[in-house]
Amino acid sequence: MTAKGWGWPLNARAAHYFVNGRSLCGRWGYTGPIEDTNHTSDINCATCRRKLVAWHNVSSIYDVPETTENTDGRETV
């Protein structure tokens, strides 16, 4: 399963979106806790938000689905 979500690396000024430990903006590596919710927060990296919108092929950050994980490890949208 792909680990993906928002995380806040030490010394970062914003939360970044990570996929398998690498931020979408390409500036950070991170192995700490992440959450795949709260996509619209003002403290999220603007570049990560733009790339997340493009990755999901939607027109707005408000259209990006929030993913949760079941207890059996499967992702649901």
Foldseek 3Di string as FASTA:
>chain_A
DWDWAWDDDPPDQAIFIDTNQAGPVRPGGDDDDGAQDDLPDPRYDPNSSVVQCVVVVHDHSVPRDRWDADPVGDIDD
